[in-house]
């Protein structure tokens, strides 16, 4: 488990499936954040709103996975 993951989710070992899901969800959240930054820089307000909602949904998924 990486330092970022262990800091975010404690030191208890996670089930392999849950750890993989967290990795995928974290990667997706990073991708959304990158797209959001680009949309803000481009001044595309509609896309910024869409990505903000997607980012919130992805954060909810990560929170749910954390409780597994």
C-alpha atoms as a PDB file:
ATOM      1  CA  UNK A   1       0.000   0.000   0.000  1.00  0.00           C
ATOM      2  CA  UNK A   2       1.400   3.390  -0.918  1.00  0.00           C
ATOM      3  CA  UNK A   3       2.034   6.124   1.619  1.00  0.00           C
ATOM      4  CA  UNK A   4      -0.883   8.147   0.232  1.00  0.00           C
ATOM      5  CA  UNK A   5      -3.255   5.187   0.456  1.00  0.00           C
ATOM      6  CA  UNK A   6      -2.140   4.067   3.895  1.00  0.00           C
ATOM      7  CA  UNK A   7      -2.437   7.616   5.191  1.00  0.00           C
ATOM      8  CA  UNK A   8      -5.911   7.958   3.771  1.00  0.00           C
ATOM      9  CA  UNK A   9      -7.211   4.540   4.743  1.00  0.00           C
ATOM     10  CA  UNK A  10      -5.249   3.547   7.845  1.00  0.00           C
ATOM     11  CA  UNK A  11      -2.735   0.776   8.223  1.00  0.00           C
ATOM     12  CA  UNK A  12      -5.080  -2.215   8.218  1.00  0.00           C
ATOM     13  CA  UNK A  13      -4.624  -4.420   5.165  1.00  0.00           C
ATOM     14  CA  UNK A  14      -7.441  -4.109   2.658  1.00  0.00           C
ATOM     15  CA  UNK A  15      -8.955  -6.976   0.728  1.00  0.00           C
ATOM     16  CA  UNK A  16      -7.263  -7.260  -2.648  1.00  0.00           C
ATOM     17  CA  UNK A  17     -10.474  -6.482  -4.539  1.00  0.00           C
ATOM     18  CA  UNK A  18     -11.182  -3.426  -2.420  1.00  0.00           C
ATOM     19  CA  UNK A  19      -7.626  -2.168  -2.803  1.00  0.00           C
ATOM     20  CA  UNK A  20      -7.887  -2.539  -6.582  1.00  0.00           C
ATOM     21  CA  UNK A  21     -11.211  -0.696  -6.618  1.00  0.00           C
ATOM     22  CA  UNK A  22      -9.714   2.118  -4.561  1.00  0.00           C
ATOM     23  CA  UNK A  23      -6.803   2.350  -6.988  1.00  0.00           C
ATOM     24  CA  UNK A  24      -9.140   2.593  -9.972  1.00  0.00           C
ATOM     25  CA  UNK A  25     -11.384   5.133  -8.255  1.00  0.00           C
ATOM     26  CA  UNK A  26      -8.382   7.229  -7.219  1.00  0.00           C
ATOM     27  CA  UNK A  27      -7.021   7.201 -10.761  1.00  0.00           C
ATOM     28  CA  UNK A  28     -10.405   8.261 -12.140  1.00  0.00           C
ATOM     29  CA  UNK A  29     -10.587  11.087  -9.579  1.00  0.00           C
ATOM     30  CA  UNK A  30      -7.140  12.295 -10.687  1.00  0.00           C
ATOM     31  CA  UNK A  31      -8.205  12.183 -14.340  1.00  0.00           C
ATOM     32  CA  UNK A  32     -11.323  14.222 -13.546  1.00  0.00           C
ATOM     33  CA  UNK A  33      -9.228  16.756 -11.637  1.00  0.00           C
ATOM     34  CA  UNK A  34      -6.892  17.150 -14.625  1.00  0.00           C
ATOM     35  CA  UNK A  35      -9.835  17.620 -16.997  1.00  0.00           C
ATOM     36  CA  UNK A  36     -11.412  20.100 -14.590  1.00  0.00           C
ATOM     37  CA  UNK A  37      -8.230  22.157 -14.494  1.00  0.00           C
ATOM     38  CA  UNK A  38      -8.053  22.222 -18.297  1.00  0.00           C
ATOM     39  CA  UNK A  39     -11.726  23.204 -18.572  1.00  0.00           C
ATOM     40  CA  UNK A  40     -11.247  26.057 -16.096  1.00  0.00           C
ATOM     41  CA  UNK A  41      -8.214  27.313 -17.998  1.00  0.00           C
ATOM     42  CA  UNK A  42     -10.170  27.142 -21.264  1.00  0.00           C
ATOM     43  CA  UNK A  43     -13.124  28.947 -19.706  1.00  0.00           C
ATOM     44  CA  UNK A  44     -15.644  26.244 -20.552  1.00  0.00           C
ATOM     45  CA  UNK A  45     -18.207  26.804 -17.791  1.00  0.00           C
ATOM     46  CA  UNK A  46     -20.572  23.966 -18.728  1.00  0.00           C
ATOM     47  CA  UNK A  47     -17.745  21.434 -18.725  1.00  0.00           C
ATOM     48  CA  UNK A  48     -16.483  22.769 -15.392  1.00  0.00           C
ATOM     49  CA  UNK A  49     -19.942  22.159 -13.896  1.00  0.00           C
ATOM     50  CA  UNK A  50     -20.123  18.635 -15.343  1.00  0.00           C
ATOM     51  CA  UNK A  51     -16.664  17.737 -14.109  1.00  0.00           C
ATOM     52  CA  UNK A  52     -17.355  19.204 -10.675  1.00  0.00           C
ATOM     53  CA  UNK A  53     -20.352  16.889 -10.332  1.00  0.00           C
ATOM     54  CA  UNK A  54     -18.353  13.907 -11.602  1.00  0.00           C
ATOM     55  CA  UNK A  55     -15.581  14.697  -9.143  1.00  0.00           C
ATOM     56  CA  UNK A  56     -18.064  14.762  -6.270  1.00  0.00           C
ATOM     57  CA  UNK A  57     -19.574  11.438  -7.349  1.00  0.00           C
ATOM     58  CA  UNK A  58     -16.126   9.851  -7.576  1.00  0.00           C
ATOM     59  CA  UNK A  59     -15.217  11.150  -4.120  1.00  0.00           C
ATOM     60  CA  UNK A  60     -18.388   9.509  -2.791  1.00  0.00           C
ATOM     61  CA  UNK A  61     -17.306   6.199  -4.338  1.00  0.00           C
ATOM     62  CA  UNK A  62     -13.919   6.467  -2.634  1.00  0.00           C
ATOM     63  CA  UNK A  63     -15.570   7.227   0.695  1.00  0.00           C
ATOM     64  CA  UNK A  64     -17.788   4.159   0.300  1.00  0.00           C
ATOM     65  CA  UNK A  65     -14.815   1.964  -0.553  1.00  0.00           C
ATOM     66  CA  UNK A  66     -12.979   3.256   2.497  1.00  0.00           C
ATOM     67  CA  UNK A  67     -15.648   1.803   4.747  1.00  0.00           C
ATOM     68  CA  UNK A  68     -15.316  -1.730   3.290  1.00  0.00           C
END
